[in-house]
Amino acid sequence: MIQKGHELGTTGLYSRIRHPMYFSALIELVGFGFVFRSIIVMLHALAIYFAVLQQRWMREEELLEAQFGEQYVECKRRTKKLVPFLC
């Protein structure tokens, strides 16, 4: 549920990607693989990450679109979902 009076963030990191929290977790998981010096660990962690969180950010996008309407649709057109300049 969106808090009363909440506004859609479109500045700073939000001007490039819609889910900066998930992007930072993605960076953390890549670092996790480097710490353990294992590509296998990193790939397993990334697979679990995407399996679990993909559904969550999809629901968040539905909620934001329902709440902010065309403003959020325009935000989706201008920004990437997860990784700046990529996807």
PDB file of N, CA and C in Angstrom:
ATOM      1  N   MET A   1       0.840  -1.184   0.000  1.00  0.00           N
ATOM      2  CA  MET A   1       0.000   0.000   0.000  1.00  0.00           C
ATOM      3  C   MET A   1       0.882   1.244   0.000  1.00  0.00           C
ATOM      4  N   ILE A   2       0.495   2.216  -0.769  1.00  0.00           N
ATOM      5  CA  ILE A   2       1.247   3.458  -0.851  1.00  0.00           C
ATOM      6  C   ILE A   2       0.752   4.394   0.237  1.00  0.00           C
ATOM      7  N   GLN A   3       1.683   5.047   0.903  1.00  0.00           N
ATOM      8  CA  GLN A   3       1.338   5.953   1.993  1.00  0.00           C
ATOM      9  C   GLN A   3       0.597   7.176   1.479  1.00  0.00           C
ATOM     10  N   LYS A   4      -0.246   7.730   2.302  1.00  0.00           N
ATOM     11  CA  LYS A   4      -1.003   8.929   1.951  1.00  0.00           C
ATOM     12  C   LYS A   4      -0.039  10.082   1.689  1.00  0.00           C
ATOM     13  N   GLY A   5      -0.262  10.812   0.602  1.00  0.00           N
ATOM     14  CA  GLY A   5       0.583  11.944   0.254  1.00  0.00           C
ATOM     15  C   GLY A   5       1.899  11.566  -0.411  1.00  0.00           C
ATOM     16  N   HIS A   6       2.090  10.295  -0.687  1.00  0.00           N
ATOM     17  CA  HIS A   6       3.330   9.829  -1.310  1.00  0.00           C
ATOM     18  C   HIS A   6       3.409  10.331  -2.746  1.00  0.00           C
ATOM     19  N   GLU A   7       4.590  10.750  -3.163  1.00  0.00           N
ATOM     20  CA  GLU A   7       4.792  11.216  -4.533  1.00  0.00           C
ATOM     21  C   GLU A   7       5.758  10.286  -5.249  1.00  0.00           C
ATOM     22  N   LEU A   8       5.631  10.220  -6.549  1.00  0.00           N
ATOM     23  CA  LEU A   8       6.497   9.385  -7.369  1.00  0.00           C
ATOM     24  C   LEU A   8       7.873  10.027  -7.481  1.00  0.00           C
ATOM     25  N   GLY A   9       8.913   9.287  -7.109  1.00  0.00           N
ATOM     26  CA  GLY A   9      10.279   9.790  -7.214  1.00  0.00           C
ATOM     27  C   GLY A   9      10.780   9.700  -8.643  1.00  0.00           C
ATOM     28  N   THR A  10      11.232  10.822  -9.174  1.00  0.00           N
ATOM     29  CA  THR A  10      11.729  10.834 -10.555  1.00  0.00           C
ATOM     30  C   THR A  10      13.059  11.560 -10.682  1.00  0.00           C
ATOM     31  N   THR A  11      13.700  11.856  -9.569  1.00  0.00           N
ATOM     32  CA  THR A  11      14.983  12.552  -9.608  1.00  0.00           C
ATOM     33  C   THR A  11      16.075  11.657  -9.054  1.00  0.00           C
ATOM     34  N   GLY A  12      17.314  12.092  -9.214  1.00  0.00           N
ATOM     35  CA  GLY A  12      18.442  11.307  -8.728  1.00  0.00           C
ATOM     36  C   GLY A  12      18.543   9.981  -9.438  1.00  0.00           C
ATOM     37  N   LEU A  13      18.796   8.926  -8.698  1.00  0.00           N
ATOM     38  CA  LEU A  13      18.911   7.590  -9.286  1.00  0.00           C
ATOM     39  C   LEU A  13      17.605   7.156  -9.948  1.00  0.00           C
ATOM     40  N   TYR A  14      16.476   7.644  -9.415  1.00  0.00           N
ATOM     41  CA  TYR A  14      15.172   7.298  -9.993  1.00  0.00           C
ATOM     42  C   TYR A  14      14.979   7.880 -11.385  1.00  0.00           C
ATOM     43  N   SER A  15      15.818   8.807 -11.798  1.00  0.00           N
ATOM     44  CA  SER A  15      15.718   9.331 -13.164  1.00  0.00           C
ATOM     45  C   SER A  15      16.337   8.364 -14.173  1.00  0.00           C
ATOM     46  N   ARG A  16      17.052   7.351 -13.703  1.00  0.00           N
ATOM     47  CA  ARG A  16      17.687   6.353 -14.579  1.00  0.00           C
ATOM     48  C   ARG A  16      17.057   4.970 -14.466  1.00  0.00           C
ATOM     49  N   ILE A  17      16.734   4.561 -13.219  1.00  0.00           N
ATOM     50  CA  ILE A  17      16.154   3.229 -13.006  1.00  0.00           C
ATOM     51  C   ILE A  17      14.978   3.322 -12.038  1.00  0.00           C
ATOM     52  N   ARG A  18      14.058   2.370 -12.159  1.00  0.00           N
ATOM     53  CA  ARG A  18      12.861   2.391 -11.325  1.00  0.00           C
ATOM     54  C   ARG A  18      13.022   1.647 -10.010  1.00  0.00           C
ATOM     55  N   HIS A  19      14.004   0.759  -9.917  1.00  0.00           N
ATOM     56  CA  HIS A  19      14.159  -0.059  -8.713  1.00  0.00           C
ATOM     57  C   HIS A  19      15.603  -0.021  -8.191  1.00  0.00           C
ATOM     58  N   PRO A  20      16.041   1.117  -7.666  1.00  0.00           N
ATOM     59  CA  PRO A  20      17.436   1.208  -7.225  1.00  0.00           C
ATOM     60  C   PRO A  20      17.778   0.270  -6.063  1.00  0.00           C
ATOM     61  N   MET A  21      16.809  -0.064  -5.228  1.00  0.00           N
ATOM     62  CA  MET A  21      17.088  -0.987  -4.123  1.00  0.00           C
ATOM     63  C   MET A  21      17.450  -2.375  -4.673  1.00  0.00           C
ATOM     64  N   TYR A  22      16.728  -2.825  -5.687  1.00  0.00           N
ATOM     65  CA  TYR A  22      17.025  -4.119  -6.275  1.00  0.00           C
ATOM     66  C   TYR A  22      18.333  -4.085  -7.063  1.00  0.00           C
ATOM     67  N   PHE A  23      18.629  -2.957  -7.656  1.00  0.00           N
ATOM     68  CA  PHE A  23      19.907  -2.790  -8.363  1.00  0.00           C
ATOM     69  C   PHE A  23      21.072  -2.901  -7.384  1.00  0.00           C
ATOM     70  N   SER A  24      20.951  -2.272  -6.202  1.00  0.00           N
ATOM     71  CA  SER A  24      22.035  -2.354  -5.219  1.00  0.00           C
ATOM     72  C   SER A  24      22.196  -3.786  -4.701  1.00  0.00           C
ATOM     73  N   ALA A  25      21.100  -4.510  -4.560  1.00  0.00           N
ATOM     74  CA  ALA A  25      21.185  -5.916  -4.148  1.00  0.00           C
ATOM     75  C   ALA A  25      21.875  -6.747  -5.221  1.00  0.00           C
ATOM     76  N   LEU A  26      21.634  -6.418  -6.478  1.00  0.00           N
ATOM     77  CA  LEU A  26      22.294  -7.104  -7.588  1.00  0.00           C
ATOM     78  C   LEU A  26      23.803  -6.891  -7.530  1.00  0.00           C
ATOM     79  N   ILE A  27      24.228  -5.669  -7.280  1.00  0.00           N
ATOM     80  CA  ILE A  27      25.647  -5.369  -7.137  1.00  0.00           C
ATOM     81  C   ILE A  27      26.237  -6.136  -5.953  1.00  0.00           C
ATOM     82  N   GLU A  28      25.479  -6.200  -4.876  1.00  0.00           N
ATOM     83  CA  GLU A  28      25.936  -6.928  -3.686  1.00  0.00           C
ATOM     84  C   GLU A  28      26.150  -8.413  -3.991  1.00  0.00           C
ATOM     85  N   LEU A  29      25.262  -9.007  -4.762  1.00  0.00           N
ATOM     86  CA  LEU A  29      25.397 -10.424  -5.088  1.00  0.00           C
ATOM     87  C   LEU A  29      26.595 -10.694  -5.990  1.00  0.00           C
ATOM     88  N   VAL A  30      26.881  -9.784  -6.897  1.00  0.00           N
ATOM     89  CA  VAL A  30      28.076  -9.933  -7.727  1.00  0.00           C
ATOM     90  C   VAL A  30      29.311  -9.859  -6.828  1.00  0.00           C
ATOM     91  N   GLY A  31      29.319  -8.909  -5.901  1.00  0.00           N
ATOM     92  CA  GLY A  31      30.419  -8.810  -4.940  1.00  0.00           C
ATOM     93  C   GLY A  31      30.547 -10.059  -4.080  1.00  0.00           C
ATOM     94  N   PHE A  32      29.407 -10.637  -3.731  1.00  0.00           N
ATOM     95  CA  PHE A  32      29.377 -11.872  -2.958  1.00  0.00           C
ATOM     96  C   PHE A  32      30.157 -12.972  -3.673  1.00  0.00           C
ATOM     97  N   GLY A  33      29.975 -13.068  -4.975  1.00  0.00           N
ATOM     98  CA  GLY A  33      30.710 -14.052  -5.769  1.00  0.00           C
ATOM     99  C   GLY A  33      32.204 -13.784  -5.761  1.00  0.00           C
ATOM    100  N   PHE A  34      32.589 -12.497  -5.798  1.00  0.00           N
ATOM    101  CA  PHE A  34      34.011 -12.154  -5.741  1.00  0.00           C
ATOM    102  C   PHE A  34      34.618 -12.467  -4.376  1.00  0.00           C
ATOM    103  N   VAL A  35      33.859 -12.210  -3.317  1.00  0.00           N
ATOM    104  CA  VAL A  35      34.358 -12.498  -1.965  1.00  0.00           C
ATOM    105  C   VAL A  35      34.670 -13.980  -1.818  1.00  0.00           C
ATOM    106  N   PHE A  36      33.786 -14.810  -2.311  1.00  0.00           N
ATOM    107  CA  PHE A  36      33.995 -16.253  -2.205  1.00  0.00           C
ATOM    108  C   PHE A  36      34.785 -16.824  -3.374  1.00  0.00           C
ATOM    109  N   ARG A  37      35.206 -15.945  -4.285  1.00  0.00           N
ATOM    110  CA  ARG A  37      36.016 -16.339  -5.447  1.00  0.00           C
ATOM    111  C   ARG A  37      35.390 -17.514  -6.193  1.00  0.00           C
ATOM    112  N   SER A  38      34.086 -17.374  -6.404  1.00  0.00           N
ATOM    113  CA  SER A  38      33.376 -18.480  -7.051  1.00  0.00           C
ATOM    114  C   SER A  38      32.277 -17.948  -7.962  1.00  0.00           C
ATOM    115  N   ILE A  39      32.421 -18.220  -9.218  1.00  0.00           N
ATOM    116  CA  ILE A  39      31.379 -17.848 -10.169  1.00  0.00           C
ATOM    117  C   ILE A  39      30.135 -18.687  -9.927  1.00  0.00           C
ATOM    118  N   ILE A  40      30.312 -19.904  -9.456  1.00  0.00           N
ATOM    119  CA  ILE A  40      29.179 -20.792  -9.172  1.00  0.00           C
ATOM    120  C   ILE A  40      28.325 -20.208  -8.052  1.00  0.00           C
ATOM    121  N   VAL A  41      28.963 -19.729  -6.991  1.00  0.00           N
ATOM    122  CA  VAL A  41      28.230 -19.104  -5.882  1.00  0.00           C
ATOM    123  C   VAL A  41      27.472 -17.886  -6.394  1.00  0.00           C
ATOM    124  N   MET A  42      28.149 -17.066  -7.197  1.00  0.00           N
ATOM    125  CA  MET A  42      27.522 -15.858  -7.719  1.00  0.00           C
ATOM    126  C   MET A  42      26.327 -16.212  -8.610  1.00  0.00           C
ATOM    127  N   LEU A  43      26.467 -17.184  -9.486  1.00  0.00           N
ATOM    128  CA  LEU A  43      25.372 -17.565 -10.376  1.00  0.00           C
ATOM    129  C   LEU A  43      24.182 -18.140  -9.622  1.00  0.00           C
ATOM    130  N   HIS A  44      24.460 -18.944  -8.590  1.00  0.00           N
ATOM    131  CA  HIS A  44      23.370 -19.472  -7.770  1.00  0.00           C
ATOM    132  C   HIS A  44      22.653 -18.351  -7.033  1.00  0.00           C
ATOM    133  N   ALA A  45      23.411 -17.432  -6.465  1.00  0.00           N
ATOM    134  CA  ALA A  45      22.818 -16.306  -5.742  1.00  0.00           C
ATOM    135  C   ALA A  45      21.967 -15.456  -6.691  1.00  0.00           C
ATOM    136  N   LEU A  46      22.469 -15.203  -7.892  1.00  0.00           N
ATOM    137  CA  LEU A  46      21.717 -14.407  -8.864  1.00  0.00           C
ATOM    138  C   LEU A  46      20.445 -15.126  -9.311  1.00  0.00           C
ATOM    139  N   ALA A  47      20.511 -16.423  -9.486  1.00  0.00           N
ATOM    140  CA  ALA A  47      19.333 -17.197  -9.880  1.00  0.00           C
ATOM    141  C   ALA A  47      18.250 -17.118  -8.809  1.00  0.00           C
ATOM    142  N   ILE A  48      18.647 -17.274  -7.554  1.00  0.00           N
ATOM    143  CA  ILE A  48      17.685 -17.179  -6.449  1.00  0.00           C
ATOM    144  C   ILE A  48      17.123 -15.768  -6.374  1.00  0.00           C
ATOM    145  N   TYR A  49      17.993 -14.777  -6.521  1.00  0.00           N
ATOM    146  CA  TYR A  49      17.590 -13.376  -6.479  1.00  0.00           C
ATOM    147  C   TYR A  49      16.498 -13.092  -7.506  1.00  0.00           C
ATOM    148  N   PHE A  50      16.730 -13.484  -8.759  1.00  0.00           N
ATOM    149  CA  PHE A  50      15.749 -13.206  -9.800  1.00  0.00           C
ATOM    150  C   PHE A  50      14.470 -14.015  -9.608  1.00  0.00           C
ATOM    151  N   ALA A  51      14.587 -15.246  -9.163  1.00  0.00           N
ATOM    152  CA  ALA A  51      13.400 -16.077  -8.952  1.00  0.00           C
ATOM    153  C   ALA A  51      12.492 -15.477  -7.882  1.00  0.00           C
ATOM    154  N   VAL A  52      13.077 -14.967  -6.829  1.00  0.00           N
ATOM    155  CA  VAL A  52      12.295 -14.432  -5.715  1.00  0.00           C
ATOM    156  C   VAL A  52      11.824 -13.003  -5.984  1.00  0.00           C
ATOM    157  N   LEU A  53      12.712 -12.145  -6.402  1.00  0.00           N
ATOM    158  CA  LEU A  53      12.382 -10.728  -6.465  1.00  0.00           C
ATOM    159  C   LEU A  53      11.678 -10.282  -7.737  1.00  0.00           C
ATOM    160  N   GLN A  54      11.735 -11.053  -8.792  1.00  0.00           N
ATOM    161  CA  GLN A  54      11.055 -10.648 -10.015  1.00  0.00           C
ATOM    162  C   GLN A  54       9.558 -10.475  -9.773  1.00  0.00           C
ATOM    163  N   GLN A  55       8.950 -11.404  -9.073  1.00  0.00           N
ATOM    164  CA  GLN A  55       7.522 -11.291  -8.777  1.00  0.00           C
ATOM    165  C   GLN A  55       7.226 -10.061  -7.919  1.00  0.00           C
ATOM    166  N   ARG A  56       8.120  -9.774  -6.990  1.00  0.00           N
ATOM    167  CA  ARG A  56       7.911  -8.622  -6.111  1.00  0.00           C
ATOM    168  C   ARG A  56       7.941  -7.315  -6.891  1.00  0.00           C
ATOM    169  N   TRP A  57       8.949  -7.109  -7.750  1.00  0.00           N
ATOM    170  CA  TRP A  57       8.994  -5.816  -8.432  1.00  0.00           C
ATOM    171  C   TRP A  57       7.901  -5.711  -9.486  1.00  0.00           C
ATOM    172  N   MET A  58       7.423  -6.839 -10.007  1.00  0.00           N
ATOM    173  CA  MET A  58       6.294  -6.798 -10.930  1.00  0.00           C
ATOM    174  C   MET A  58       5.026  -6.322 -10.206  1.00  0.00           C
ATOM    175  N   ARG A  59       4.800  -6.822  -8.993  1.00  0.00           N
ATOM    176  CA  ARG A  59       3.646  -6.375  -8.200  1.00  0.00           C
ATOM    177  C   ARG A  59       3.787  -4.908  -7.827  1.00  0.00           C
ATOM    178  N   GLU A  60       5.005  -4.489  -7.494  1.00  0.00           N
ATOM    179  CA  GLU A  60       5.230  -3.077  -7.167  1.00  0.00           C
ATOM    180  C   GLU A  60       4.901  -2.187  -8.363  1.00  0.00           C
ATOM    181  N   GLU A  61       5.304  -2.602  -9.549  1.00  0.00           N
ATOM    182  CA  GLU A  61       5.017  -1.800 -10.739  1.00  0.00           C
ATOM    183  C   GLU A  61       3.516  -1.725 -10.996  1.00  0.00           C
ATOM    184  N   GLU A  62       2.800  -2.803 -10.782  1.00  0.00           N
ATOM    185  CA  GLU A  62       1.343  -2.778 -10.942  1.00  0.00           C
ATOM    186  C   GLU A  62       0.714  -1.800  -9.953  1.00  0.00           C
ATOM    187  N   LEU A  63       1.171  -1.837  -8.705  1.00  0.00           N
ATOM    188  CA  LEU A  63       0.658  -0.946  -7.677  1.00  0.00           C
ATOM    189  C   LEU A  63       0.957   0.514  -8.011  1.00  0.00           C
ATOM    190  N   LEU A  64       2.182   0.787  -8.437  1.00  0.00           N
ATOM    191  CA  LEU A  64       2.564   2.158  -8.778  1.00  0.00           C
ATOM    192  C   LEU A  64       1.782   2.671  -9.981  1.00  0.00           C
ATOM    193  N   GLU A  65       1.567   1.815 -10.961  1.00  0.00           N
ATOM    194  CA  GLU A  65       0.793   2.236 -12.130  1.00  0.00           C
ATOM    195  C   GLU A  65      -0.660   2.505 -11.750  1.00  0.00           C
ATOM    196  N   ALA A  66      -1.213   1.690 -10.870  1.00  0.00           N
ATOM    197  CA  ALA A  66      -2.585   1.917 -10.410  1.00  0.00           C
ATOM    198  C   ALA A  66      -2.684   3.218  -9.614  1.00  0.00           C
ATOM    199  N   GLN A  67      -1.674   3.515  -8.830  1.00  0.00           N
ATOM    200  CA  GLN A  67      -1.689   4.710  -7.989  1.00  0.00           C
ATOM    201  C   GLN A  67      -1.397   5.985  -8.778  1.00  0.00           C
ATOM    202  N   PHE A  68      -0.386   5.952  -9.650  1.00  0.00           N
ATOM    203  CA  PHE A  68       0.081   7.166 -10.312  1.00  0.00           C
ATOM    204  C   PHE A  68      -0.324   7.263 -11.780  1.00  0.00           C
ATOM    205  N   GLY A  69      -0.900   6.215 -12.333  1.00  0.00           N
ATOM    206  CA  GLY A  69      -1.444   6.243 -13.680  1.00  0.00           C
ATOM    207  C   GLY A  69      -0.441   6.625 -14.754  1.00  0.00           C
ATOM    208  N   GLU A  70      -0.828   7.598 -15.570  1.00  0.00           N
ATOM    209  CA  GLU A  70      -0.018   8.012 -16.713  1.00  0.00           C
ATOM    210  C   GLU A  70       1.351   8.528 -16.299  1.00  0.00           C
ATOM    211  N   GLN A  71       1.456   9.120 -15.112  1.00  0.00           N
ATOM    212  CA  GLN A  71       2.749   9.607 -14.629  1.00  0.00           C
ATOM    213  C   GLN A  71       3.745   8.445 -14.508  1.00  0.00           C
ATOM    214  N   TYR A  72       3.275   7.313 -13.999  1.00  0.00           N
ATOM    215  CA  TYR A  72       4.168   6.159 -13.870  1.00  0.00           C
ATOM    216  C   TYR A  72       4.438   5.505 -15.223  1.00  0.00           C
ATOM    217  N   VAL A  73       3.439   5.482 -16.097  1.00  0.00           N
ATOM    218  CA  VAL A  73       3.637   4.934 -17.449  1.00  0.00           C
ATOM    219  C   VAL A  73       4.732   5.727 -18.160  1.00  0.00           C
ATOM    220  N   GLU A  74       4.701   7.042 -18.034  1.00  0.00           N
ATOM    221  CA  GLU A  74       5.738   7.887 -18.632  1.00  0.00           C
ATOM    222  C   GLU A  74       7.100   7.607 -17.996  1.00  0.00           C
ATOM    223  N   CYS A  75       7.125   7.405 -16.699  1.00  0.00           N
ATOM    224  CA  CYS A  75       8.374   7.063 -15.994  1.00  0.00           C
ATOM    225  C   CYS A  75       8.934   5.751 -16.542  1.00  0.00           C
ATOM    226  N   LYS A  76       8.069   4.778 -16.795  1.00  0.00           N
ATOM    227  CA  LYS A  76       8.506   3.491 -17.342  1.00  0.00           C
ATOM    228  C   LYS A  76       9.105   3.662 -18.735  1.00  0.00           C
ATOM    229  N   ARG A  77       8.580   4.595 -19.507  1.00  0.00           N
ATOM    230  CA  ARG A  77       9.112   4.838 -20.852  1.00  0.00           C
ATOM    231  C   ARG A  77      10.519   5.454 -20.801  1.00  0.00           C
ATOM    232  N   ARG A  78      10.766   6.294 -19.805  1.00  0.00           N
ATOM    233  CA  ARG A  78      12.027   7.028 -19.723  1.00  0.00           C
ATOM    234  C   ARG A  78      13.145   6.264 -19.013  1.00  0.00           C
ATOM    235  N   THR A  79      12.800   5.299 -18.193  1.00  0.00           N
ATOM    236  CA  THR A  79      13.796   4.651 -17.339  1.00  0.00           C
ATOM    237  C   THR A  79      13.905   3.163 -17.628  1.00  0.00           C
ATOM    238  N   LYS A  80      14.978   2.586 -17.129  1.00  0.00           N
ATOM    239  CA  LYS A  80      15.165   1.132 -17.183  1.00  0.00           C
ATOM    240  C   LYS A  80      14.628   0.538 -15.890  1.00  0.00           C
ATOM    241  N   LYS A  81      14.293  -0.728 -15.918  1.00  0.00           N
ATOM    242  CA  LYS A  81      13.731  -1.368 -14.739  1.00  0.00           C
ATOM    243  C   LYS A  81      14.775  -1.606 -13.653  1.00  0.00           C
ATOM    244  N   LEU A  82      15.937  -2.116 -14.034  1.00  0.00           N
ATOM    245  CA  LEU A  82      16.875  -2.579 -13.020  1.00  0.00           C
ATOM    246  C   LEU A  82      18.291  -2.070 -13.192  1.00  0.00           C
ATOM    247  N   VAL A  83      18.828  -2.148 -14.386  1.00  0.00           N
ATOM    248  CA  VAL A  83      20.234  -1.787 -14.614  1.00  0.00           C
ATOM    249  C   VAL A  83      20.289  -0.584 -15.553  1.00  0.00           C
ATOM    250  N   PRO A  84      20.893   0.527 -15.130  1.00  0.00           N
ATOM    251  CA  PRO A  84      20.957   1.702 -16.006  1.00  0.00           C
ATOM    252  C   PRO A  84      21.556   1.373 -17.369  1.00  0.00           C
ATOM    253  N   PHE A  85      20.957   1.908 -18.405  1.00  0.00           N
ATOM    254  CA  PHE A  85      21.412   1.761 -19.788  1.00  0.00           C
ATOM    255  C   PHE A  85      21.316   0.334 -20.321  1.00  0.00           C
ATOM    256  N   LEU A  86      20.737  -0.605 -19.583  1.00  0.00           N
ATOM    257  CA  LEU A  86      20.727  -1.992 -20.021  1.00  0.00           C
ATOM    258  C   LEU A  86      19.324  -2.584 -20.034  1.00  0.00           C
ATOM    259  N   CYS A  87      18.737  -2.762 -18.861  1.00  0.00           N
ATOM    260  CA  CYS A  87      17.396  -3.374 -18.809  1.00  0.00           C
ATOM    261  C   CYS A  87      16.583  -2.839 -17.663  1.00  0.00           C
TER     262      CYS A  87
END
